[in-house]
Every structure is written in structure tokens, then in C-alpha cells.
Amino acid sequence: MIILTSEELKQAESVLKNFFPESIKVYGCIFNINRGKPHNLEVIANLWPDFTVIICKPKVQGVKNREGDFNIYSIYSKSKDCLKSFLDTPGVINKDAFTLLAGVDIRHLGAVQEFADQHGIPSKVQGVMNVLVLQDQQQLQFKDRYAGLSFAPLSTAHAHLVNSTWKYGGDCSSYNSVLNYISHNPSLCVIEEGQTEPVSWLLVYHHAALGLLYTLPQHRCKGYARLLVSIMAKHLLEQGHPVYCFVEEENKPSYKLFTSLGFKNSPDYRAVWFELNKPQIRDE
């Protein structure tokens, strides 16, 4: 197991571009690390520079945010066998701790299942995601006028609102993650004329993916989500930022929205969120 240095992380960012979309989540983590974003991550590889597996994982578990509490690993592997071998390497995974392997190539799912079965670790698939990458920015949609609307980054004062509507939110751990996303990553919200609170918003995760897109129910069907994605995508492209998202297979409305804006998925690739052990219930 090799822990990548700052210079090696710069090299990894360049190399991983060649393996999109499979490598894009690890690439996103490294992209932000290389730009000095606060993080609790270390990046490990089975070999360097000729790696076949590279993983971003928490340095410290249980730091009172989702990434630490859920021990979230971002994984890119070139083969199922290499992934299985690396997971068995001492120091890669604590077999007694809850771990969420987030973004396992569905074609390599057998490797993590075999690893869990071999060591008697309770496991399950948490979800399967489409990985949508912006490929045709000409399909982004904008309005000529935005009468009655203002667009602005979210403030930390909005973290409670965002956390309360997030599918994975509602507790102290998720609130701290939302607060971190707002404080250190791009975000955008819609505020209607005469109002002070946002009615629709979009954030960017620590792995650089678009996420937490939400519109309050009473303000839907106004095209706000489409505008937010388009404006944010244009801004990120201008900054050299990757523009992509994960959409759960069953979330047809979000899939339709993103694909209508020029996002594409690879037909034979899906990303799997896979749980090892059962999560511990913490007192907040």
C-alpha cells in the first residue's frame, strides 16, 4: 500500500482523466485536495505510478460528518482481481468498522462481495447509481431574463434548511457535511423577489460532483432546477472543474433532467454504494 504524496497527487489528477467515467469520483476528490480544500482524506494505491487500484479514504473515522462517520471510500479499480487483492492488503480496510465503499464499478462488484464473504463481514448493496458526465454544454439551458429572481451562493445560515430536505440528512453528522460543502465548495440558490430564503438550490460534494439539488414543493415546475444546473455547470467549466453527478437508477425525473442538459452516461457502467458491517448508531 502506497500513500500518495502531494506531488504524486498532482500526477494522479492528470492520469485519472484518461479513465473517465470510472475514475471520476476519485479524480474529483484529488482535484479538490490539490486545490487546498479542507479534507480528512488520504489517497492510497496498490502501486505507483503503474497503479491498478486507487482509493480515497478518511484519515480519521468518526469526525462527526457523513464522510468520517460512514467511513466513506471512493474507489477506482482497473480490474476485479486487482481490487480484491488490494482490499486484502493490511491497512486498507478495518474489517471491524462500518465502511461505505462508494462508487465501486458494478463490473467489479464481485470482488467486494467475495472480500466480505471471505472474512465473514455483513454486507449489502446500498444503491446503484448512473454516473452522468456533462459532454455537450450546448444543451445547457438559460433564460434571456430572470425577472423576479436572484441567484446567489448559499450561506452557512442555510445549512439547516438544506440538511432538513436532504435524503441522507436530518442529523448532526449530515448537517456538518452540508456546512462543509457550503463553506468550501461552489453552491447556488434561487431567491424569489421579495423573499430572503432560497426556494431551490444546488451544491457540490467534496468529490466535486453536483448534488443535493432540491426545490421546495410549492415552488416546483418553474424550471429552477434546470437553471441552477445550467448556471452552475457553466461556472464550473470556466474554472476547469469536472462537471458530473450521480443519479440513483430509480430516480427517473433527475435522470431525464440531467440528460436533457447534455449529461451522458456510459451504458455498461454503474457505480455501486456497498456497505461493509452495520452502521453504529451514535448519540448526537
Protein backbone atom coordinates (compact mmCIF):
# COMPACT_ATOMS: atom_id res chain seq x y z
CA MET A 1 0.00 0.00 0.00
CA ILE A 2 1.36 3.38 -1.04
CA ILE A 3 0.11 6.69 0.40
CA LEU A 4 0.41 9.28 -2.35
CA THR A 5 2.46 12.41 -1.73
CA SER A 6 1.40 15.89 -2.83
CA GLU A 7 3.50 15.58 -6.00
CA GLU A 8 2.06 12.15 -6.77
CA LEU A 9 -1.45 13.52 -6.26
CA LYS A 10 -0.80 16.07 -8.99
CA GLN A 11 0.33 13.26 -11.28
CA ALA A 12 -2.72 11.19 -10.34
CA GLU A 13 -5.09 14.02 -11.25
CA SER A 14 -3.60 14.17 -14.73
CA VAL A 15 -3.58 10.39 -15.28
CA LEU A 16 -7.10 9.72 -13.96
CA LYS A 17 -8.61 11.95 -16.67
CA ASN A 18 -7.83 9.14 -19.09
CA PHE A 19 -10.20 6.74 -17.35
CA PHE A 20 -13.46 8.71 -17.13
CA PRO A 21 -16.18 7.98 -16.17
CA GLU A 22 -14.97 5.10 -13.98
CA SER A 23 -12.27 7.21 -12.30
CA ILE A 24 -14.20 10.47 -12.00
CA LYS A 25 -15.16 10.21 -8.31
CA VAL A 26 -11.56 9.58 -7.20
CA TYR A 27 -10.46 12.27 -9.64
CA GLY A 28 -12.93 14.70 -8.03
CA CYS A 29 -11.57 14.03 -4.54
CA ILE A 30 -8.00 14.56 -5.72
CA PHE A 31 -9.00 17.65 -7.74
CA ASN A 32 -10.19 19.33 -4.55
CA ILE A 33 -7.25 18.12 -2.43
CA ASN A 34 -4.83 19.56 -4.98
CA ARG A 35 -6.56 22.94 -4.72
CA GLY A 36 -6.18 23.15 -0.97
CA LYS A 37 -9.73 22.34 0.02
CA PRO A 38 -10.00 21.20 3.66
CA HIS A 39 -10.28 17.43 3.84
CA ASN A 40 -9.91 14.37 6.03
CA LEU A 41 -8.65 12.13 3.23
CA GLU A 42 -5.61 10.13 2.32
CA VAL A 43 -5.14 8.63 -1.12
CA ILE A 44 -3.69 5.15 -1.39
CA ALA A 45 -2.69 2.99 -4.37
CA ASN A 46 -1.56 -0.58 -4.80
CA LEU A 47 1.39 0.53 -6.98
CA TRP A 48 2.87 3.80 -8.18
CA PRO A 49 2.99 5.07 -10.85
CA ASP A 50 1.63 1.91 -12.50
CA PHE A 51 -1.39 1.63 -10.22
CA THR A 52 -4.37 -0.59 -10.92
CA VAL A 53 -6.35 0.46 -7.82
CA ILE A 54 -6.52 3.88 -6.19
CA ILE A 55 -8.68 4.75 -3.17
CA CYS A 56 -9.52 7.94 -1.30
CA LYS A 57 -10.39 7.15 2.30
CA PRO A 58 -10.76 9.02 5.60
CA LYS A 59 -7.61 9.56 7.63
CA VAL A 60 -9.73 9.57 10.78
CA GLN A 61 -13.10 7.89 11.23
CA GLY A 62 -15.82 9.41 13.39
CA VAL A 63 -15.19 13.11 12.89
CA LYS A 64 -18.89 13.98 13.12
CA ASN A 65 -19.69 14.33 9.45
CA ARG A 66 -21.04 11.77 6.98
CA GLU A 67 -17.71 11.17 5.29
CA GLY A 68 -15.98 10.31 8.58
CA ASP A 69 -18.85 8.67 10.44
CA PHE A 70 -19.74 6.47 7.48
CA ASN A 71 -16.07 5.80 6.69
CA ILE A 72 -16.69 6.54 3.01
CA TYR A 73 -14.19 5.16 0.49
CA SER A 74 -14.03 6.38 -3.11
CA ILE A 75 -12.61 3.65 -5.35
CA TYR A 76 -11.23 3.36 -8.85
CA SER A 77 -10.03 -0.07 -10.00
CA LYS A 78 -8.90 -1.29 -13.38
CA SER A 79 -9.85 -4.91 -12.70
CA LYS A 80 -11.89 -7.03 -10.33
CA ASP A 81 -8.91 -9.21 -9.35
CA CYS A 82 -6.68 -6.23 -8.56
CA LEU A 83 -9.39 -4.72 -6.38
CA LYS A 84 -9.92 -7.97 -4.47
CA SER A 85 -6.19 -8.32 -3.85
CA PHE A 86 -5.81 -4.72 -2.67
CA LEU A 87 -8.74 -4.92 -0.26
CA ASP A 88 -6.93 -7.82 1.42
CA THR A 89 -3.78 -5.71 1.91
CA PRO A 90 -3.17 -4.85 5.60
CA GLY A 91 -4.10 -1.27 6.40
CA VAL A 92 -6.52 -0.76 3.52
CA ILE A 93 -9.73 -1.65 5.39
CA ASN A 94 -10.56 -2.11 9.06
CA LYS A 95 -12.64 -5.28 8.84
CA ASP A 96 -14.39 -4.49 12.14
CA ALA A 97 -15.54 -0.98 11.25
CA PHE A 98 -18.53 0.13 9.23
CA THR A 99 -17.28 1.15 5.79
CA LEU A 100 -19.20 2.51 2.83
CA LEU A 101 -17.46 1.69 -0.45
CA ALA A 102 -18.92 4.46 -2.56
CA GLY A 103 -18.53 4.20 -6.31
CA VAL A 104 -17.48 0.59 -6.90
CA ASP A 105 -17.57 -0.29 -10.61
CA ILE A 106 -20.59 -2.60 -10.96
CA ARG A 107 -18.42 -4.90 -13.09
CA HIS A 108 -16.12 -5.32 -10.06
CA LEU A 109 -18.90 -5.82 -7.52
CA GLY A 110 -18.00 -9.48 -7.17
CA ALA A 111 -14.62 -8.50 -5.72
CA VAL A 112 -16.06 -6.63 -2.74
CA GLN A 113 -18.74 -9.29 -2.20
CA GLU A 114 -16.09 -12.02 -2.21
CA PHE A 115 -13.96 -9.98 0.20
CA ALA A 116 -16.90 -9.60 2.60
CA ASP A 117 -17.89 -13.27 2.38
CA GLN A 118 -14.31 -14.48 2.84
CA HIS A 119 -13.93 -12.52 6.07
CA GLY A 120 -17.46 -13.08 7.37
CA ILE A 121 -18.32 -9.37 7.15
CA PRO A 122 -22.03 -8.47 6.97
CA SER A 123 -22.59 -6.58 3.73
CA LYS A 124 -25.20 -5.23 1.37
CA VAL A 125 -25.65 -3.06 -1.69
CA GLN A 126 -26.93 0.33 -0.55
CA GLY A 127 -27.61 1.72 -4.02
CA VAL A 128 -26.71 1.66 -7.70
CA MET A 129 -26.03 4.95 -9.48
CA ASN A 130 -25.92 6.24 -13.01
CA VAL A 131 -22.79 8.35 -13.48
CA LEU A 132 -23.68 11.32 -15.67
CA VAL A 133 -20.89 13.49 -17.11
CA LEU A 134 -21.52 16.75 -18.97
CA GLN A 135 -20.48 16.12 -22.56
CA ASP A 136 -22.48 18.67 -24.58
CA GLN A 137 -22.56 22.09 -22.94
CA GLN A 138 -24.56 23.43 -25.89
CA GLN A 139 -27.59 21.70 -24.34
CA LEU A 140 -27.38 23.74 -21.15
CA GLN A 141 -30.44 25.96 -20.95
CA PHE A 142 -30.58 29.60 -19.90
CA LYS A 143 -33.22 32.33 -19.91
CA ASP A 144 -32.81 35.72 -21.55
CA ARG A 145 -34.30 37.35 -18.46
CA TYR A 146 -34.50 36.37 -14.84
CA ALA A 147 -37.16 38.88 -13.78
CA GLY A 148 -38.10 38.49 -10.14
CA LEU A 149 -35.29 36.04 -9.41
CA SER A 150 -31.87 36.37 -7.88
CA PHE A 151 -29.13 33.76 -7.87
CA ALA A 152 -26.53 33.60 -5.13
CA PRO A 153 -24.29 31.13 -3.31
CA LEU A 154 -25.82 29.55 -0.24
CA SER A 155 -24.65 30.88 3.12
CA THR A 156 -23.88 28.83 6.20
CA ALA A 157 -27.16 30.10 7.64
CA HIS A 158 -28.93 27.94 5.05
CA ALA A 159 -27.27 24.70 6.19
CA HIS A 160 -30.19 23.71 8.45
CA LEU A 161 -32.70 24.15 5.64
CA VAL A 162 -30.62 22.15 3.17
CA ASN A 163 -29.95 19.42 5.73
CA SER A 164 -33.64 19.12 6.60
CA THR A 165 -34.58 18.34 2.97
CA TRP A 166 -31.61 16.10 2.05
CA LYS A 167 -32.46 12.43 1.55
CA TYR A 168 -29.41 11.49 3.65
CA GLY A 169 -29.77 14.42 6.04
CA GLY A 170 -31.61 15.29 9.19
CA ASP A 171 -28.96 14.71 11.85
CA CYS A 172 -25.87 16.41 13.25
CA SER A 173 -23.46 14.38 11.12
CA SER A 174 -25.17 15.30 7.85
CA TYR A 175 -25.53 18.92 8.96
CA ASN A 176 -21.77 19.16 9.42
CA SER A 177 -21.25 17.76 5.93
CA VAL A 178 -23.69 20.27 4.42
CA LEU A 179 -21.95 23.06 6.33
CA ASN A 180 -18.62 21.93 4.90
CA TYR A 181 -19.97 21.76 1.33
CA ILE A 182 -21.40 25.28 1.59
CA SER A 183 -18.29 26.71 3.24
CA HIS A 184 -15.69 25.29 0.87
CA ASN A 185 -17.34 24.33 -2.44
CA PRO A 186 -19.44 26.14 -5.04
CA SER A 187 -23.18 26.38 -4.39
CA LEU A 188 -26.10 28.23 -5.95
CA CYS A 189 -29.65 29.02 -4.94
CA VAL A 190 -32.75 30.78 -6.27
CA ILE A 191 -34.36 33.53 -4.19
CA GLU A 192 -37.65 34.91 -5.43
CA GLU A 193 -38.43 38.62 -5.45
CA GLY A 194 -39.41 39.94 -2.03
CA GLN A 195 -38.08 36.84 -0.26
CA THR A 196 -34.93 36.25 1.78
CA GLU A 197 -34.82 32.45 1.92
CA PRO A 198 -33.86 30.20 -1.02
CA VAL A 199 -36.58 28.15 -2.70
CA SER A 200 -34.27 25.97 -4.81
CA TRP A 201 -30.57 25.07 -4.50
CA LEU A 202 -27.64 23.04 -5.79
CA LEU A 203 -24.39 22.12 -4.03
CA VAL A 204 -21.11 20.42 -4.88
CA TYR A 205 -19.80 17.47 -2.85
CA HIS A 206 -16.25 17.04 -1.58
CA HIS A 207 -15.67 14.67 -4.53
CA ALA A 208 -16.64 17.53 -6.89
CA ALA A 209 -19.96 16.04 -8.05
CA LEU A 210 -23.12 18.12 -8.30
CA GLY A 211 -25.58 17.15 -5.59
CA LEU A 212 -28.32 17.98 -3.10
CA LEU A 213 -30.40 19.53 -5.90
CA TYR A 214 -33.75 20.42 -4.36
CA THR A 215 -36.73 22.71 -4.90
CA LEU A 216 -39.32 23.33 -2.21
CA PRO A 217 -42.57 21.57 -3.26
CA GLN A 218 -44.61 24.76 -3.55
CA HIS A 219 -42.07 26.25 -5.98
CA ARG A 220 -41.69 23.35 -8.40
CA CYS A 221 -42.48 23.25 -12.14
CA LYS A 222 -40.88 26.66 -12.66
CA GLY A 223 -37.67 25.41 -14.25
CA TYR A 224 -35.48 26.33 -11.29
CA ALA A 225 -33.55 23.03 -11.20
CA ARG A 226 -32.78 23.31 -14.90
CA LEU A 227 -31.49 26.85 -14.46
CA LEU A 228 -29.38 26.00 -11.44
CA VAL A 229 -27.70 23.06 -13.15
CA SER A 230 -27.03 25.11 -16.30
CA ILE A 231 -25.63 28.15 -14.49
CA MET A 232 -23.53 26.06 -12.12
CA ALA A 233 -22.20 23.85 -14.92
CA LYS A 234 -21.13 26.88 -16.96
CA HIS A 235 -19.36 28.36 -13.94
CA LEU A 236 -17.57 25.09 -13.11
CA LEU A 237 -16.43 24.60 -16.70
CA GLU A 238 -14.92 28.08 -16.69
CA GLN A 239 -12.96 27.08 -13.57
CA GLY A 240 -11.66 23.85 -15.11
CA HIS A 241 -13.82 21.89 -12.68
CA PRO A 242 -15.23 18.44 -13.54
CA VAL A 243 -18.98 18.56 -14.14
CA TYR A 244 -20.77 15.34 -13.28
CA CYS A 245 -23.32 13.81 -10.93
CA PHE A 246 -24.61 10.54 -9.56
CA VAL A 247 -28.28 9.71 -10.07
CA GLU A 248 -29.87 6.65 -8.46
CA GLU A 249 -31.18 4.18 -11.04
CA GLU A 250 -34.75 4.56 -9.82
CA ASN A 251 -34.68 8.38 -9.95
CA LYS A 252 -36.12 8.80 -13.43
CA PRO A 253 -37.02 12.53 -13.13
CA SER A 254 -33.43 13.50 -12.23
CA TYR A 255 -32.03 11.27 -14.95
CA LYS A 256 -34.32 12.91 -17.50
CA LEU A 257 -33.36 16.40 -16.28
CA PHE A 258 -29.61 15.89 -16.49
CA THR A 259 -29.62 14.03 -19.81
CA SER A 260 -31.76 16.80 -21.33
CA LEU A 261 -28.95 19.23 -20.40
CA GLY A 262 -26.17 17.36 -22.16
CA PHE A 263 -25.10 14.92 -19.44
CA LYS A 264 -24.34 11.38 -20.67
CA ASN A 265 -23.77 8.04 -19.03
CA SER A 266 -21.76 5.05 -20.19
CA PRO A 267 -24.26 2.25 -20.97
CA ASP A 268 -22.23 -0.57 -19.39
CA TYR A 269 -21.04 1.32 -16.30
CA ARG A 270 -22.79 1.92 -12.99
CA ALA A 271 -21.37 2.93 -9.61
CA VAL A 272 -22.36 0.86 -6.59
CA TRP A 273 -22.53 2.02 -2.96
CA PHE A 274 -21.65 -1.08 -0.89
CA GLU A 275 -21.82 -1.40 2.90
CA LEU A 276 -19.41 -3.45 5.00
CA ASN A 277 -20.63 -4.13 8.55
CA LYS A 278 -23.63 -2.40 10.07
CA PRO A 279 -23.54 1.32 10.86
CA GLN A 280 -23.31 2.19 14.53
CA ILE A 281 -25.97 4.47 15.94
CA ARG A 282 -24.23 7.43 17.55
CA ASP A 283 -25.59 9.78 20.16
CA GLU A 284 -25.63 13.27 18.70
